[in-house]
Amino acid sequence: MDDAQATRVIEGLLFVFSQPLPLKRLTEILPDLAPPRIRQLIQVLSEGYAASGRAFQIQEVAGGYQLVTDTALAPWIRRALQGP
């Protein structure tokens, strides 16, 4: 698996999991990639999101990785969750 495909797989996994996805689980799903390489690909993804001004980022949370909304959007998200 090349880096582009591995990055897409990681991104897809982070997108569908509502809970933090531990590195150990990522290495089970992607056995051809060593943990340091997975961390590096996650870092590249995260930097790409930041550079393009995306509304989300990857955070390391509770021993795993998770896609989260950029905190700068909190006022709008709070308003949306409160309803009319």
PDB file of N, CA and C in Angstrom:
ATOM      1  N   MET A   1       0.851  -1.173   0.000  1.00  0.00           N
ATOM      2  CA  MET A   1       0.000   0.000   0.000  1.00  0.00           C
ATOM      3  C   MET A   1       0.896   1.235   0.000  1.00  0.00           C
ATOM      4  N   ASP A   2       0.645   2.137  -0.938  1.00  0.00           N
ATOM      5  CA  ASP A   2       1.450   3.354  -0.979  1.00  0.00           C
ATOM      6  C   ASP A   2       0.909   4.382   0.031  1.00  0.00           C
ATOM      7  N   ASP A   3       1.666   5.470   0.205  1.00  0.00           N
ATOM      8  CA  ASP A   3       1.300   6.482   1.195  1.00  0.00           C
ATOM      9  C   ASP A   3      -0.047   7.131   0.910  1.00  0.00           C
ATOM     10  N   ALA A   4      -0.336   7.379  -0.358  1.00  0.00           N
ATOM     11  CA  ALA A   4      -1.611   8.021  -0.708  1.00  0.00           C
ATOM     12  C   ALA A   4      -2.787   7.141  -0.314  1.00  0.00           C
ATOM     13  N   GLN A   5      -2.690   5.864  -0.596  1.00  0.00           N
ATOM     14  CA  GLN A   5      -3.772   4.946  -0.238  1.00  0.00           C
ATOM     15  C   GLN A   5      -3.868   4.801   1.272  1.00  0.00           C
ATOM     16  N   ALA A   6      -2.729   4.678   1.953  1.00  0.00           N
ATOM     17  CA  ALA A   6      -2.733   4.549   3.410  1.00  0.00           C
ATOM     18  C   ALA A   6      -3.343   5.782   4.064  1.00  0.00           C
ATOM     19  N   THR A   7      -3.023   6.953   3.528  1.00  0.00           N
ATOM     20  CA  THR A   7      -3.582   8.192   4.063  1.00  0.00           C
ATOM     21  C   THR A   7      -5.088   8.214   3.883  1.00  0.00           C
ATOM     22  N   ARG A   8      -5.574   7.795   2.731  1.00  0.00           N
ATOM     23  CA  ARG A   8      -7.027   7.749   2.495  1.00  0.00           C
ATOM     24  C   ARG A   8      -7.709   6.782   3.451  1.00  0.00           C
ATOM     25  N   VAL A   9      -7.086   5.629   3.687  1.00  0.00           N
ATOM     26  CA  VAL A   9      -7.661   4.645   4.609  1.00  0.00           C
ATOM     27  C   VAL A   9      -7.726   5.233   6.019  1.00  0.00           C
ATOM     28  N   ILE A  10      -6.640   5.834   6.459  1.00  0.00           N
ATOM     29  CA  ILE A  10      -6.608   6.436   7.801  1.00  0.00           C
ATOM     30  C   ILE A  10      -7.676   7.522   7.915  1.00  0.00           C
ATOM     31  N   GLU A  11      -7.768   8.376   6.917  1.00  0.00           N
ATOM     32  CA  GLU A  11      -8.754   9.448   6.930  1.00  0.00           C
ATOM     33  C   GLU A  11     -10.174   8.877   6.998  1.00  0.00           C
ATOM     34  N   GLY A  12     -10.438   7.856   6.210  1.00  0.00           N
ATOM     35  CA  GLY A  12     -11.757   7.221   6.225  1.00  0.00           C
ATOM     36  C   GLY A  12     -12.086   6.604   7.570  1.00  0.00           C
ATOM     37  N   LEU A  13     -11.105   5.950   8.164  1.00  0.00           N
ATOM     38  CA  LEU A  13     -11.318   5.342   9.480  1.00  0.00           C
ATOM     39  C   LEU A  13     -11.611   6.402  10.536  1.00  0.00           C
ATOM     40  N   LEU A  14     -10.835   7.468  10.534  1.00  0.00           N
ATOM     41  CA  LEU A  14     -11.053   8.533  11.511  1.00  0.00           C
ATOM     42  C   LEU A  14     -12.412   9.193  11.298  1.00  0.00           C
ATOM     43  N   PHE A  15     -12.856   9.254  10.061  1.00  0.00           N
ATOM     44  CA  PHE A  15     -14.138   9.860   9.747  1.00  0.00           C
ATOM     45  C   PHE A  15     -15.302   9.039  10.300  1.00  0.00           C
ATOM     46  N   VAL A  16     -15.231   7.721  10.199  1.00  0.00           N
ATOM     47  CA  VAL A  16     -16.375   6.891  10.602  1.00  0.00           C
ATOM     48  C   VAL A  16     -16.396   6.536  12.090  1.00  0.00           C
ATOM     49  N   PHE A  17     -15.258   6.595  12.754  1.00  0.00           N
ATOM     50  CA  PHE A  17     -15.237   6.251  14.175  1.00  0.00           C
ATOM     51  C   PHE A  17     -15.603   7.476  15.003  1.00  0.00           C
ATOM     52  N   SER A  18     -16.625   7.354  15.834  1.00  0.00           N
ATOM     53  CA  SER A  18     -17.038   8.479  16.673  1.00  0.00           C
ATOM     54  C   SER A  18     -16.188   8.580  17.939  1.00  0.00           C
ATOM     55  N   GLN A  19     -15.485   7.526  18.257  1.00  0.00           N
ATOM     56  CA  GLN A  19     -14.592   7.509  19.416  1.00  0.00           C
ATOM     57  C   GLN A  19     -13.144   7.582  18.927  1.00  0.00           C
ATOM     58  N   PRO A  20     -12.219   8.023  19.797  1.00  0.00           N
ATOM     59  CA  PRO A  20     -10.804   8.029  19.398  1.00  0.00           C
ATOM     60  C   PRO A  20     -10.360   6.632  18.958  1.00  0.00           C
ATOM     61  N   LEU A  21      -9.613   6.591  17.889  1.00  0.00           N
ATOM     62  CA  LEU A  21      -9.120   5.332  17.331  1.00  0.00           C
ATOM     63  C   LEU A  21      -7.670   5.142  17.774  1.00  0.00           C
ATOM     64  N   PRO A  22      -7.424   4.160  18.643  1.00  0.00           N
ATOM     65  CA  PRO A  22      -6.066   3.960  19.160  1.00  0.00           C
ATOM     66  C   PRO A  22      -5.078   3.543  18.067  1.00  0.00           C
ATOM     67  N   LEU A  23      -3.830   3.945  18.256  1.00  0.00           N
ATOM     68  CA  LEU A  23      -2.770   3.571  17.327  1.00  0.00           C
ATOM     69  C   LEU A  23      -2.672   2.056  17.202  1.00  0.00           C
ATOM     70  N   LYS A  24      -2.857   1.355  18.298  1.00  0.00           N
ATOM     71  CA  LYS A  24      -2.793  -0.112  18.269  1.00  0.00           C
ATOM     72  C   LYS A  24      -3.831  -0.680  17.299  1.00  0.00           C
ATOM     73  N   ARG A  25      -5.024  -0.118  17.326  1.00  0.00           N
ATOM     74  CA  ARG A  25      -6.081  -0.592  16.425  1.00  0.00           C
ATOM     75  C   ARG A  25      -5.744  -0.254  14.970  1.00  0.00           C
ATOM     76  N   LEU A  26      -5.177   0.927  14.753  1.00  0.00           N
ATOM     77  CA  LEU A  26      -4.761   1.300  13.402  1.00  0.00           C
ATOM     78  C   LEU A  26      -3.703   0.337  12.868  1.00  0.00           C
ATOM     79  N   THR A  27      -2.789  -0.089  13.722  1.00  0.00           N
ATOM     80  CA  THR A  27      -1.752  -1.026  13.269  1.00  0.00           C
ATOM     81  C   THR A  27      -2.338  -2.407  12.996  1.00  0.00           C
ATOM     82  N   GLU A  28      -3.430  -2.764  13.668  1.00  0.00           N
ATOM     83  CA  GLU A  28      -4.098  -4.034  13.373  1.00  0.00           C
ATOM     84  C   GLU A  28      -4.803  -3.972  12.020  1.00  0.00           C
ATOM     85  N   ILE A  29      -5.375  -2.819  11.717  1.00  0.00           N
ATOM     86  CA  ILE A  29      -6.088  -2.646  10.459  1.00  0.00           C
ATOM     87  C   ILE A  29      -5.102  -2.487   9.301  1.00  0.00           C
ATOM     88  N   LEU A  30      -3.971  -1.832   9.574  1.00  0.00           N
ATOM     89  CA  LEU A  30      -2.941  -1.566   8.562  1.00  0.00           C
ATOM     90  C   LEU A  30      -1.637  -2.258   8.957  1.00  0.00           C
ATOM     91  N   PRO A  31      -1.599  -3.592   8.912  1.00  0.00           N
ATOM     92  CA  PRO A  31      -0.432  -4.320   9.414  1.00  0.00           C
ATOM     93  C   PRO A  31       0.863  -4.064   8.640  1.00  0.00           C
ATOM     94  N   ASP A  32       0.769  -3.540   7.429  1.00  0.00           N
ATOM     95  CA  ASP A  32       1.970  -3.259   6.641  1.00  0.00           C
ATOM     96  C   ASP A  32       2.663  -1.968   7.057  1.00  0.00           C
ATOM     97  N   LEU A  33       2.005  -1.178   7.918  1.00  0.00           N
ATOM     98  CA  LEU A  33       2.566   0.108   8.340  1.00  0.00           C
ATOM     99  C   LEU A  33       2.991   0.054   9.804  1.00  0.00           C
ATOM    100  N   ALA A  34       4.208   0.469  10.061  1.00  0.00           N
ATOM    101  CA  ALA A  34       4.709   0.531  11.435  1.00  0.00           C
ATOM    102  C   ALA A  34       4.062   1.717  12.150  1.00  0.00           C
ATOM    103  N   PRO A  35       3.907   1.627  13.457  1.00  0.00           N
ATOM    104  CA  PRO A  35       3.300   2.729  14.209  1.00  0.00           C
ATOM    105  C   PRO A  35       3.922   4.103  13.939  1.00  0.00           C
ATOM    106  N   PRO A  36       5.256   4.226  13.862  1.00  0.00           N
ATOM    107  CA  PRO A  36       5.804   5.556  13.557  1.00  0.00           C
ATOM    108  C   PRO A  36       5.350   6.086  12.194  1.00  0.00           C
ATOM    109  N   ARG A  37       5.187   5.211  11.216  1.00  0.00           N
ATOM    110  CA  ARG A  37       4.735   5.634   9.886  1.00  0.00           C
ATOM    111  C   ARG A  37       3.282   6.088   9.940  1.00  0.00           C
ATOM    112  N   ILE A  38       2.450   5.378  10.683  1.00  0.00           N
ATOM    113  CA  ILE A  38       1.050   5.777  10.838  1.00  0.00           C
ATOM    114  C   ILE A  38       0.979   7.147  11.495  1.00  0.00           C
ATOM    115  N   ARG A  39       1.754   7.345  12.546  1.00  0.00           N
ATOM    116  CA  ARG A  39       1.791   8.655  13.216  1.00  0.00           C
ATOM    117  C   ARG A  39       2.198   9.754  12.234  1.00  0.00           C
ATOM    118  N   GLN A  40       3.195   9.448  11.406  1.00  0.00           N
ATOM    119  CA  GLN A  40       3.680  10.428  10.436  1.00  0.00           C
ATOM    120  C   GLN A  40       2.591  10.765   9.406  1.00  0.00           C
ATOM    121  N   LEU A  41       1.884   9.773   8.918  1.00  0.00           N
ATOM    122  CA  LEU A  41       0.811  10.009   7.955  1.00  0.00           C
ATOM    123  C   LEU A  41      -0.323  10.815   8.583  1.00  0.00           C
ATOM    124  N   ILE A  42      -0.625  10.546   9.849  1.00  0.00           N
ATOM    125  CA  ILE A  42      -1.650  11.325  10.553  1.00  0.00           C
ATOM    126  C   ILE A  42      -1.199  12.773  10.689  1.00  0.00           C
ATOM    127  N   GLN A  43       0.064  12.979  10.979  1.00  0.00           N
ATOM    128  CA  GLN A  43       0.602  14.339  11.096  1.00  0.00           C
ATOM    129  C   GLN A  43       0.500  15.082   9.762  1.00  0.00           C
ATOM    130  N   VAL A  44       0.829  14.409   8.681  1.00  0.00           N
ATOM    131  CA  VAL A  44       0.733  15.014   7.350  1.00  0.00           C
ATOM    132  C   VAL A  44      -0.721  15.372   7.032  1.00  0.00           C
ATOM    133  N   LEU A  45      -1.638  14.468   7.341  1.00  0.00           N
ATOM    134  CA  LEU A  45      -3.059  14.748   7.138  1.00  0.00           C
ATOM    135  C   LEU A  45      -3.486  15.980   7.928  1.00  0.00           C
ATOM    136  N   SER A  46      -3.110  16.006   9.187  1.00  0.00           N
ATOM    137  CA  SER A  46      -3.473  17.110  10.074  1.00  0.00           C
ATOM    138  C   SER A  46      -2.918  18.435   9.574  1.00  0.00           C
ATOM    139  N   GLU A  47      -1.678  18.432   9.146  1.00  0.00           N
ATOM    140  CA  GLU A  47      -1.064  19.648   8.610  1.00  0.00           C
ATOM    141  C   GLU A  47      -1.759  20.095   7.324  1.00  0.00           C
ATOM    142  N   GLY A  48      -2.170  19.136   6.521  1.00  0.00           N
ATOM    143  CA  GLY A  48      -2.895  19.459   5.299  1.00  0.00           C
ATOM    144  C   GLY A  48      -4.240  20.120   5.593  1.00  0.00           C
ATOM    145  N   TYR A  49      -4.930  19.613   6.596  1.00  0.00           N
ATOM    146  CA  TYR A  49      -6.206  20.223   6.995  1.00  0.00           C
ATOM    147  C   TYR A  49      -5.978  21.661   7.449  1.00  0.00           C
ATOM    148  N   ALA A  50      -4.981  21.860   8.278  1.00  0.00           N
ATOM    149  CA  ALA A  50      -4.695  23.203   8.801  1.00  0.00           C
ATOM    150  C   ALA A  50      -4.310  24.159   7.676  1.00  0.00           C
ATOM    151  N   ALA A  51      -3.474  23.699   6.767  1.00  0.00           N
ATOM    152  CA  ALA A  51      -3.004  24.552   5.670  1.00  0.00           C
ATOM    153  C   ALA A  51      -4.131  24.955   4.727  1.00  0.00           C
ATOM    154  N   SER A  52      -5.122  24.096   4.579  1.00  0.00           N
ATOM    155  CA  SER A  52      -6.215  24.405   3.658  1.00  0.00           C
ATOM    156  C   SER A  52      -7.407  25.059   4.357  1.00  0.00           C
ATOM    157  N   GLY A  53      -7.278  25.322   5.651  1.00  0.00           N
ATOM    158  CA  GLY A  53      -8.340  26.005   6.383  1.00  0.00           C
ATOM    159  C   GLY A  53      -9.587  25.165   6.598  1.00  0.00           C
ATOM    160  N   ARG A  54      -9.420  23.862   6.726  1.00  0.00           N
ATOM    161  CA  ARG A  54     -10.558  22.967   6.921  1.00  0.00           C
ATOM    162  C   ARG A  54     -11.258  23.250   8.247  1.00  0.00           C
ATOM    163  N   ALA A  55     -12.485  22.803   8.368  1.00  0.00           N
ATOM    164  CA  ALA A  55     -13.289  23.016   9.565  1.00  0.00           C
ATOM    165  C   ALA A  55     -12.996  21.968  10.634  1.00  0.00           C
ATOM    166  N   PHE A  56     -12.109  21.043  10.339  1.00  0.00           N
ATOM    167  CA  PHE A  56     -11.801  19.978  11.289  1.00  0.00           C
ATOM    168  C   PHE A  56     -10.298  19.759  11.363  1.00  0.00           C
ATOM    169  N   GLN A  57      -9.910  19.019  12.378  1.00  0.00           N
ATOM    170  CA  GLN A  57      -8.502  18.685  12.587  1.00  0.00           C
ATOM    171  C   GLN A  57      -8.436  17.318  13.254  1.00  0.00           C
ATOM    172  N   ILE A  58      -7.251  16.765  13.304  1.00  0.00           N
ATOM    173  CA  ILE A  58      -7.054  15.495  13.992  1.00  0.00           C
ATOM    174  C   ILE A  58      -6.413  15.809  15.334  1.00  0.00           C
ATOM    175  N   GLN A  59      -7.016  15.266  16.389  1.00  0.00           N
ATOM    176  CA  GLN A  59      -6.464  15.432  17.727  1.00  0.00           C
ATOM    177  C   GLN A  59      -6.155  14.072  18.321  1.00  0.00           C
ATOM    178  N   GLU A  60      -5.112  14.047  19.124  1.00  0.00           N
ATOM    179  CA  GLU A  60      -4.829  12.847  19.892  1.00  0.00           C
ATOM    180  C   GLU A  60      -5.620  12.970  21.183  1.00  0.00           C
ATOM    181  N   VAL A  61      -6.559  12.048  21.381  1.00  0.00           N
ATOM    182  CA  VAL A  61      -7.489  12.105  22.503  1.00  0.00           C
ATOM    183  C   VAL A  61      -7.576  10.728  23.156  1.00  0.00           C
ATOM    184  N   ALA A  62      -7.424  10.687  24.464  1.00  0.00           N
ATOM    185  CA  ALA A  62      -7.638   9.451  25.221  1.00  0.00           C
ATOM    186  C   ALA A  62      -6.887   8.260  24.626  1.00  0.00           C
ATOM    187  N   GLY A  63      -5.650   8.489  24.219  1.00  0.00           N
ATOM    188  CA  GLY A  63      -4.833   7.399  23.697  1.00  0.00           C
ATOM    189  C   GLY A  63      -5.134   7.016  22.265  1.00  0.00           C
ATOM    190  N   GLY A  64      -5.911   7.832  21.558  1.00  0.00           N
ATOM    191  CA  GLY A  64      -6.232   7.532  20.175  1.00  0.00           C
ATOM    192  C   GLY A  64      -6.315   8.814  19.359  1.00  0.00           C
ATOM    193  N   TYR A  65      -6.692   8.665  18.112  1.00  0.00           N
ATOM    194  CA  TYR A  65      -6.804   9.805  17.204  1.00  0.00           C
ATOM    195  C   TYR A  65      -8.264   9.986  16.811  1.00  0.00           C
ATOM    196  N   GLN A  66      -8.659  11.254  16.686  1.00  0.00           N
ATOM    197  CA  GLN A  66     -10.048  11.541  16.372  1.00  0.00           C
ATOM    198  C   GLN A  66     -10.144  12.808  15.537  1.00  0.00           C
ATOM    199  N   LEU A  67     -11.055  12.801  14.568  1.00  0.00           N
ATOM    200  CA  LEU A  67     -11.377  14.015  13.828  1.00  0.00           C
ATOM    201  C   LEU A  67     -12.278  14.865  14.713  1.00  0.00           C
ATOM    202  N   VAL A  68     -11.914  16.117  14.882  1.00  0.00           N
ATOM    203  CA  VAL A  68     -12.698  17.033  15.705  1.00  0.00           C
ATOM    204  C   VAL A  68     -12.885  18.341  14.951  1.00  0.00           C
ATOM    205  N   THR A  69     -13.928  19.058  15.306  1.00  0.00           N
ATOM    206  CA  THR A  69     -14.190  20.351  14.696  1.00  0.00           C
ATOM    207  C   THR A  69     -13.222  21.381  15.244  1.00  0.00           C
ATOM    208  N   ASP A  70     -12.778  22.278  14.405  1.00  0.00           N
ATOM    209  CA  ASP A  70     -11.900  23.368  14.810  1.00  0.00           C
ATOM    210  C   ASP A  70     -12.606  24.184  15.889  1.00  0.00           C
ATOM    211  N   THR A  71     -11.920  24.456  16.974  1.00  0.00           N
ATOM    212  CA  THR A  71     -12.522  25.175  18.101  1.00  0.00           C
ATOM    213  C   THR A  71     -12.953  26.592  17.718  1.00  0.00           C
ATOM    214  N   ALA A  72     -12.380  27.151  16.663  1.00  0.00           N
ATOM    215  CA  ALA A  72     -12.779  28.489  16.224  1.00  0.00           C
ATOM    216  C   ALA A  72     -14.234  28.513  15.751  1.00  0.00           C
ATOM    217  N   LEU A  73     -14.795  27.368  15.446  1.00  0.00           N
ATOM    218  CA  LEU A  73     -16.175  27.289  14.986  1.00  0.00           C
ATOM    219  C   LEU A  73     -17.171  27.056  16.115  1.00  0.00           C
ATOM    220  N   ALA A  74     -16.693  27.022  17.345  1.00  0.00           N
ATOM    221  CA  ALA A  74     -17.535  26.722  18.505  1.00  0.00           C
ATOM    222  C   ALA A  74     -18.774  27.608  18.615  1.00  0.00           C
ATOM    223  N   PRO A  75     -18.693  28.922  18.399  1.00  0.00           N
ATOM    224  CA  PRO A  75     -19.905  29.739  18.539  1.00  0.00           C
ATOM    225  C   PRO A  75     -21.040  29.308  17.595  1.00  0.00           C
ATOM    226  N   TRP A  76     -20.712  28.959  16.365  1.00  0.00           N
ATOM    227  CA  TRP A  76     -21.730  28.543  15.397  1.00  0.00           C
ATOM    228  C   TRP A  76     -22.261  27.152  15.707  1.00  0.00           C
ATOM    229  N   ILE A  77     -21.386  26.296  16.122  1.00  0.00           N
ATOM    230  CA  ILE A  77     -21.824  24.929  16.462  1.00  0.00           C
ATOM    231  C   ILE A  77     -22.722  24.970  17.693  1.00  0.00           C
ATOM    232  N   ARG A  78     -22.344  25.757  18.684  1.00  0.00           N
ATOM    233  CA  ARG A  78     -23.160  25.900  19.889  1.00  0.00           C
ATOM    234  C   ARG A  78     -24.552  26.416  19.513  1.00  0.00           C
ATOM    235  N   ARG A  79     -24.587  27.419  18.659  1.00  0.00           N
ATOM    236  CA  ARG A  79     -25.861  27.998  18.205  1.00  0.00           C
ATOM    237  C   ARG A  79     -26.706  26.938  17.480  1.00  0.00           C
ATOM    238  N   ALA A  80     -26.072  26.155  16.641  1.00  0.00           N
ATOM    239  CA  ALA A  80     -26.796  25.124  15.896  1.00  0.00           C
ATOM    240  C   ALA A  80     -27.341  24.043  16.824  1.00  0.00           C
ATOM    241  N   LEU A  81     -26.576  23.683  17.832  1.00  0.00           N
ATOM    242  CA  LEU A  81     -27.014  22.630  18.760  1.00  0.00           C
ATOM    243  C   LEU A  81     -28.102  23.104  19.714  1.00  0.00           C
ATOM    244  N   GLN A  82     -28.164  24.406  19.967  1.00  0.00           N
ATOM    245  CA  GLN A  82     -29.188  24.935  20.863  1.00  0.00           C
ATOM    246  C   GLN A  82     -30.555  24.981  20.193  1.00  0.00           C
ATOM    247  N   GLY A  83     -30.562  25.093  18.900  1.00  0.00           N
ATOM    248  CA  GLY A  83     -31.824  25.137  18.170  1.00  0.00           C
ATOM    249  C   GLY A  83     -32.486  26.494  18.261  1.00  0.00           C
ATOM    250  N   PRO A  84     -33.632  26.626  17.612  1.00  0.00           N
ATOM    251  CA  PRO A  84     -34.335  27.924  17.605  1.00  0.00           C
ATOM    252  C   PRO A  84     -35.010  28.225  18.934  1.00  0.00           C
TER     253      PRO A  84
END
